[in-house]
PDB file of N, CA and C in Angstrom:
ATOM      1  N   MET A   1      10.704 -12.812   4.372  1.00  0.00           N
ATOM      2  CA  MET A   1       9.851 -11.650   3.772  1.00  0.00           C
ATOM      3  C   MET A   1       9.173 -12.051   2.423  1.00  0.00           C
ATOM      4  N   ALA A   2       8.160 -11.315   2.261  1.00  0.00           N
ATOM      5  CA  ALA A   2       7.371 -11.494   1.141  1.00  0.00           C
ATOM      6  C   ALA A   2       7.391 -10.202   0.355  1.00  0.00           C
ATOM      7  N   GLY A   3       7.082 -10.232  -0.905  1.00  0.00           N
ATOM      8  CA  GLY A   3       6.826  -8.994  -1.719  1.00  0.00           C
ATOM      9  C   GLY A   3       5.686  -8.997  -2.637  1.00  0.00           C
ATOM     10  N   VAL A   4       4.969  -7.907  -2.788  1.00  0.00           N
ATOM     11  CA  VAL A   4       3.855  -7.856  -3.809  1.00  0.00           C
ATOM     12  C   VAL A   4       3.749  -6.512  -4.207  1.00  0.00           C
ATOM     13  N   ILE A   5       3.327  -6.474  -5.494  1.00  0.00           N
ATOM     14  CA  ILE A   5       3.065  -5.050  -6.195  1.00  0.00           C
ATOM     15  C   ILE A   5       1.596  -4.980  -6.359  1.00  0.00           C
ATOM     16  N   LEU A   6       0.817  -3.946  -5.973  1.00  0.00           N
ATOM     17  CA  LEU A   6      -0.489  -3.688  -5.928  1.00  0.00           C
ATOM     18  C   LEU A   6      -0.711  -2.640  -6.944  1.00  0.00           C
ATOM     19  N   SER A   7      -1.830  -2.687  -7.762  1.00  0.00           N
ATOM     20  CA  SER A   7      -2.216  -1.594  -8.558  1.00  0.00           C
ATOM     21  C   SER A   7      -3.343  -0.892  -7.763  1.00  0.00           C
ATOM     22  N   ILE A   8      -3.238   0.374  -7.750  1.00  0.00           N
ATOM     23  CA  ILE A   8      -4.166   1.203  -6.841  1.00  0.00           C
ATOM     24  C   ILE A   8      -5.095   2.257  -7.732  1.00  0.00           C
ATOM     25  N   ASP A   9      -6.178   2.027  -7.639  1.00  0.00           N
ATOM     26  CA  ASP A   9      -7.326   2.987  -8.375  1.00  0.00           C
ATOM     27  C   ASP A   9      -7.428   4.325  -7.563  1.00  0.00           C
ATOM     28  N   GLY A  10      -7.201   5.445  -8.070  1.00  0.00           N
ATOM     29  CA  GLY A  10      -7.524   6.682  -7.500  1.00  0.00           C
ATOM     30  C   GLY A  10      -6.502   7.370  -6.785  1.00  0.00           C
ATOM     31  N   MET A  11      -5.200   6.923  -7.086  1.00  0.00           N
ATOM     32  CA  MET A  11      -4.033   7.345  -6.585  1.00  0.00           C
ATOM     33  C   MET A  11      -3.360   8.429  -7.444  1.00  0.00           C
ATOM     34  N   SER A  12      -3.451   9.709  -7.194  1.00  0.00           N
ATOM     35  CA  SER A  12      -2.882  10.618  -8.375  1.00  0.00           C
ATOM     36  C   SER A  12      -2.011  11.674  -7.844  1.00  0.00           C
ATOM     37  N   SER A  13      -1.922  11.990  -6.568  1.00  0.00           N
ATOM     38  CA  SER A  13      -1.194  13.160  -6.058  1.00  0.00           C
ATOM     39  C   SER A  13      -0.138  12.684  -5.107  1.00  0.00           C
ATOM     40  N   ASP A  14       0.710  13.895  -4.577  1.00  0.00           N
ATOM     41  CA  ASP A  14       1.667  13.522  -3.448  1.00  0.00           C
ATOM     42  C   ASP A  14       0.894  13.233  -2.279  1.00  0.00           C
ATOM     43  N   TYR A  15      -0.345  13.904  -1.940  1.00  0.00           N
ATOM     44  CA  TYR A  15      -1.254  13.647  -0.976  1.00  0.00           C
ATOM     45  C   TYR A  15      -1.667  12.097  -0.846  1.00  0.00           C
ATOM     46  N   CYS A  16      -2.007  11.586  -2.029  1.00  0.00           N
ATOM     47  CA  CYS A  16      -2.376  10.186  -2.122  1.00  0.00           C
ATOM     48  C   CYS A  16      -1.186   9.236  -1.673  1.00  0.00           C
ATOM     49  N   LYS A  17       0.099   9.713  -2.134  1.00  0.00           N
ATOM     50  CA  LYS A  17       1.176   8.817  -1.740  1.00  0.00           C
ATOM     51  C   LYS A  17       1.331   8.895  -0.308  1.00  0.00           C
ATOM     52  N   ILE A  18       1.357  10.132   0.355  1.00  0.00           N
ATOM     53  CA  ILE A  18       1.674  10.188   1.776  1.00  0.00           C
ATOM     54  C   ILE A  18       0.647   9.382   2.445  1.00  0.00           C
ATOM     55  N   ALA A  19      -0.716   9.412   2.105  1.00  0.00           N
ATOM     56  CA  ALA A  19      -1.814   8.754   2.714  1.00  0.00           C
ATOM     57  C   ALA A  19      -1.432   7.360   2.774  1.00  0.00           C
ATOM     58  N   VAL A  20      -1.026   6.766   1.693  1.00  0.00           N
ATOM     59  CA  VAL A  20      -0.878   5.293   1.503  1.00  0.00           C
ATOM     60  C   VAL A  20       0.150   4.884   2.314  1.00  0.00           C
ATOM     61  N   GLU A  21       1.317   5.639   2.408  1.00  0.00           N
ATOM     62  CA  GLU A  21       2.544   5.436   3.004  1.00  0.00           C
ATOM     63  C   GLU A  21       2.326   5.410   4.554  1.00  0.00           C
ATOM     64  N   LYS A  22       1.434   6.352   4.943  1.00  0.00           N
ATOM     65  CA  LYS A  22       1.189   6.481   6.390  1.00  0.00           C
ATOM     66  C   LYS A  22       0.359   5.267   6.801  1.00  0.00           C
ATOM     67  N   ALA A  23      -0.801   4.902   6.031  1.00  0.00           N
ATOM     68  CA  ALA A  23      -1.565   3.693   6.319  1.00  0.00           C
ATOM     69  C   ALA A  23      -0.669   2.582   6.444  1.00  0.00           C
ATOM     70  N   LEU A  24       0.213   2.175   5.666  1.00  0.00           N
ATOM     71  CA  LEU A  24       1.010   1.111   5.520  1.00  0.00           C
ATOM     72  C   LEU A  24       2.065   1.002   6.625  1.00  0.00           C
ATOM     73  N   GLY A  25       2.491   2.205   6.757  1.00  0.00           N
ATOM     74  CA  GLY A  25       3.568   2.461   7.817  1.00  0.00           C
ATOM     75  C   GLY A  25       3.241   1.713   9.144  1.00  0.00           C
ATOM     76  N   GLY A  26       1.992   2.027   9.469  1.00  0.00           N
ATOM     77  CA  GLY A  26       1.675   1.466  10.818  1.00  0.00           C
ATOM     78  C   GLY A  26       1.518   0.001  10.889  1.00  0.00           C
ATOM     79  N   LEU A  27       1.610  -0.735   9.778  1.00  0.00           N
ATOM     80  CA  LEU A  27       1.594  -2.127   9.767  1.00  0.00           C
ATOM     81  C   LEU A  27       3.037  -2.668   9.823  1.00  0.00           C
ATOM     82  N   GLY A  28       4.122  -1.866   9.809  1.00  0.00           N
ATOM     83  CA  GLY A  28       5.452  -2.329   9.874  1.00  0.00           C
ATOM     84  C   GLY A  28       5.977  -2.973   8.524  1.00  0.00           C
ATOM     85  N   VAL A  29       5.411  -2.423   7.407  1.00  0.00           N
ATOM     86  CA  VAL A  29       5.890  -2.981   6.161  1.00  0.00           C
ATOM     87  C   VAL A  29       6.762  -1.887   5.349  1.00  0.00           C
ATOM     88  N   ASP A  30       7.746  -2.418   4.528  1.00  0.00           N
ATOM     89  CA  ASP A  30       8.306  -1.411   3.706  1.00  0.00           C
ATOM     90  C   ASP A  30       7.486  -1.067   2.350  1.00  0.00           C
ATOM     91  N   VAL A  31       7.395   0.229   2.251  1.00  0.00           N
ATOM     92  CA  VAL A  31       6.533   0.713   0.881  1.00  0.00           C
ATOM     93  C   VAL A  31       7.215   1.517  -0.002  1.00  0.00           C
ATOM     94  N   ASP A  32       7.025   1.241  -1.391  1.00  0.00           N
ATOM     95  CA  ASP A  32       7.392   2.137  -2.351  1.00  0.00           C
ATOM     96  C   ASP A  32       6.229   2.460  -3.369  1.00  0.00           C
ATOM     97  N   VAL A  33       5.793   3.771  -3.134  1.00  0.00           N
ATOM     98  CA  VAL A  33       4.742   4.098  -3.998  1.00  0.00           C
ATOM     99  C   VAL A  33       5.045   4.648  -5.404  1.00  0.00           C
ATOM    100  N   ASN A  34       4.631   4.167  -6.505  1.00  0.00           N
ATOM    101  CA  ASN A  34       4.923   4.814  -7.790  1.00  0.00           C
ATOM    102  C   ASN A  34       3.655   5.470  -8.309  1.00  0.00           C
ATOM    103  N   LEU A  35       3.565   6.906  -8.346  1.00  0.00           N
ATOM    104  CA  LEU A  35       2.293   7.486  -8.673  1.00  0.00           C
ATOM    105  C   LEU A  35       2.249   7.366 -10.199  1.00  0.00           C
ATOM    106  N   ALA A  36       3.255   7.331 -11.031  1.00  0.00           N
ATOM    107  CA  ALA A  36       3.211   7.293 -12.384  1.00  0.00           C
ATOM    108  C   ALA A  36       2.502   6.022 -12.945  1.00  0.00           C
ATOM    109  N   GLU A  37       2.892   4.863 -12.174  1.00  0.00           N
ATOM    110  CA  GLU A  37       2.205   3.597 -12.725  1.00  0.00           C
ATOM    111  C   GLU A  37       1.044   3.312 -11.675  1.00  0.00           C
ATOM    112  N   LYS A  38       0.702   4.172 -10.726  1.00  0.00           N
ATOM    113  CA  LYS A  38      -0.235   3.976  -9.771  1.00  0.00           C
ATOM    114  C   LYS A  38      -0.159   2.505  -9.078  1.00  0.00           C
ATOM    115  N   THR A  39       0.971   2.259  -8.583  1.00  0.00           N
ATOM    116  CA  THR A  39       1.313   0.977  -8.026  1.00  0.00           C
ATOM    117  C   THR A  39       2.001   1.242  -6.690  1.00  0.00           C
ATOM    118  N   VAL A  40       1.979   0.230  -5.693  1.00  0.00           N
ATOM    119  CA  VAL A  40       2.621   0.342  -4.539  1.00  0.00           C
ATOM    120  C   VAL A  40       3.284  -1.155  -4.494  1.00  0.00           C
ATOM    121  N   SER A  41       4.703  -0.975  -4.196  1.00  0.00           N
ATOM    122  CA  SER A  41       5.501  -2.227  -3.955  1.00  0.00           C
ATOM    123  C   SER A  41       5.608  -2.344  -2.377  1.00  0.00           C
ATOM    124  N   ILE A  42       5.432  -3.515  -1.962  1.00  0.00           N
ATOM    125  CA  ILE A  42       5.399  -3.774  -0.482  1.00  0.00           C
ATOM    126  C   ILE A  42       6.111  -4.947  -0.152  1.00  0.00           C
ATOM    127  N   GLU A  43       6.992  -4.730   0.705  1.00  0.00           N
ATOM    128  CA  GLU A  43       7.843  -5.781   1.369  1.00  0.00           C
ATOM    129  C   GLU A  43       7.356  -6.256   2.749  1.00  0.00           C
ATOM    130  N   TYR A  44       6.862  -7.352   3.140  1.00  0.00           N
ATOM    131  CA  TYR A  44       6.342  -7.648   4.502  1.00  0.00           C
ATOM    132  C   TYR A  44       6.642  -9.038   4.870  1.00  0.00           C
ATOM    133  N   ASP A  45       6.583  -9.133   6.198  1.00  0.00           N
ATOM    134  CA  ASP A  45       6.733 -10.430   7.162  1.00  0.00           C
ATOM    135  C   ASP A  45       5.446 -10.976   7.038  1.00  0.00           C
ATOM    136  N   PRO A  46       5.141 -12.059   6.449  1.00  0.00           N
ATOM    137  CA  PRO A  46       3.785 -12.704   6.455  1.00  0.00           C
ATOM    138  C   PRO A  46       3.472 -13.365   7.703  1.00  0.00           C
ATOM    139  N   SER A  47       4.324 -13.507   8.704  1.00  0.00           N
ATOM    140  CA  SER A  47       4.081 -13.903   9.881  1.00  0.00           C
ATOM    141  C   SER A  47       3.509 -12.885  10.984  1.00  0.00           C
ATOM    142  N   ARG A  48       3.736 -11.493  10.641  1.00  0.00           N
ATOM    143  CA  ARG A  48       3.372 -10.396  11.274  1.00  0.00           C
ATOM    144  C   ARG A  48       2.320  -9.794  10.699  1.00  0.00           C
ATOM    145  N   VAL A  49       1.953  -9.767   9.408  1.00  0.00           N
ATOM    146  CA  VAL A  49       0.915  -9.148   8.797  1.00  0.00           C
ATOM    147  C   VAL A  49       0.557  -9.838   7.656  1.00  0.00           C
ATOM    148  N   GLU A  50      -0.952  -9.812   7.428  1.00  0.00           N
ATOM    149  CA  GLU A  50      -1.454 -10.520   6.191  1.00  0.00           C
ATOM    150  C   GLU A  50      -1.691  -9.631   5.054  1.00  0.00           C
ATOM    151  N   LEU A  51      -1.793 -10.222   3.860  1.00  0.00           N
ATOM    152  CA  LEU A  51      -1.906  -9.437   2.652  1.00  0.00           C
ATOM    153  C   LEU A  51      -3.412  -8.745   2.883  1.00  0.00           C
ATOM    154  N   GLY A  52      -4.371  -9.265   3.361  1.00  0.00           N
ATOM    155  CA  GLY A  52      -5.635  -8.644   3.664  1.00  0.00           C
ATOM    156  C   GLY A  52      -5.524  -7.512   4.426  1.00  0.00           C
ATOM    157  N   GLN A  53      -4.776  -7.584   5.385  1.00  0.00           N
ATOM    158  CA  GLN A  53      -4.634  -6.298   6.231  1.00  0.00           C
ATOM    159  C   GLN A  53      -3.921  -5.097   5.551  1.00  0.00           C
ATOM    160  N   ILE A  54      -3.105  -5.601   4.680  1.00  0.00           N
ATOM    161  CA  ILE A  54      -2.362  -4.438   3.687  1.00  0.00           C
ATOM    162  C   ILE A  54      -3.468  -3.854   2.728  1.00  0.00           C
ATOM    163  N   ILE A  55      -4.192  -4.664   2.236  1.00  0.00           N
ATOM    164  CA  ILE A  55      -5.284  -4.211   1.338  1.00  0.00           C
ATOM    165  C   ILE A  55      -6.181  -3.320   1.987  1.00  0.00           C
ATOM    166  N   GLY A  56      -6.739  -3.847   3.224  1.00  0.00           N
ATOM    167  CA  GLY A  56      -7.576  -3.171   4.026  1.00  0.00           C
ATOM    168  C   GLY A  56      -7.121  -1.767   4.378  1.00  0.00           C
ATOM    169  N   ALA A  57      -5.870  -1.638   4.759  1.00  0.00           N
ATOM    170  CA  ALA A  57      -5.335  -0.402   5.050  1.00  0.00           C
ATOM    171  C   ALA A  57      -5.379   0.620   3.860  1.00  0.00           C
ATOM    172  N   ILE A  58      -5.029   0.270   2.887  1.00  0.00           N
ATOM    173  CA  ILE A  58      -5.156   1.008   1.511  1.00  0.00           C
ATOM    174  C   ILE A  58      -6.491   1.456   1.236  1.00  0.00           C
ATOM    175  N   GLU A  59      -7.424   0.382   1.262  1.00  0.00           N
ATOM    176  CA  GLU A  59      -8.861   0.751   0.980  1.00  0.00           C
ATOM    177  C   GLU A  59      -9.515   1.467   1.910  1.00  0.00           C
ATOM    178  N   GLY A  60      -8.860   1.535   3.214  1.00  0.00           N
ATOM    179  CA  GLY A  60      -9.454   2.302   4.412  1.00  0.00           C
ATOM    180  C   GLY A  60      -9.088   3.896   4.084  1.00  0.00           C
ATOM    181  N   GLN A  61      -8.216   4.119   3.155  1.00  0.00           N
ATOM    182  CA  GLN A  61      -7.869   5.414   2.907  1.00  0.00           C
ATOM    183  C   GLN A  61      -8.724   6.119   1.680  1.00  0.00           C
ATOM    184  N   GLY A  62      -9.545   5.099   1.203  1.00  0.00           N
ATOM    185  CA  GLY A  62     -10.394   5.634   0.099  1.00  0.00           C
ATOM    186  C   GLY A  62     -10.045   5.119  -1.324  1.00  0.00           C
ATOM    187  N   TYR A  63      -8.989   4.312  -1.309  1.00  0.00           N
ATOM    188  CA  TYR A  63      -8.508   3.872  -2.680  1.00  0.00           C
ATOM    189  C   TYR A  63      -8.857   2.462  -2.898  1.00  0.00           C
ATOM    190  N   ARG A  64      -8.924   1.817  -4.180  1.00  0.00           N
ATOM    191  CA  ARG A  64      -9.474   0.764  -4.480  1.00  0.00           C
ATOM    192  C   ARG A  64      -8.262  -0.112  -5.120  1.00  0.00           C
ATOM    193  N   VAL A  65      -7.935  -1.273  -4.419  1.00  0.00           N
ATOM    194  CA  VAL A  65      -6.874  -2.145  -4.864  1.00  0.00           C
ATOM    195  C   VAL A  65      -7.409  -2.988  -6.062  1.00  0.00           C
ATOM    196  N   LEU A  66      -6.759  -2.907  -7.163  1.00  0.00           N
ATOM    197  CA  LEU A  66      -7.192  -3.776  -8.406  1.00  0.00           C
ATOM    198  C   LEU A  66      -6.477  -5.154  -8.343  1.00  0.00           C
TER     199      LEU A  66
END
C-alpha cells in the first residue's frame, strides 16, 4: 500500500467532500477528506491504481490538485 496527501483547490462544502469521495471510491482506494485543510488523504495499492488516475478522478469533478 502507498499513501499520499493531496491539496485540492475549490473544495469547500459537504457536496465537494461527497463528490471527491464518490469519484475516488470507484477506484478502490481509501479516502479521508479534510475540508478545513482542503486536503485528501489517500491509501491505495499502486499495482491496481496509479497516482495519475487518482488525480484525474479528482480533477474530473472540477477540482484542481495542487
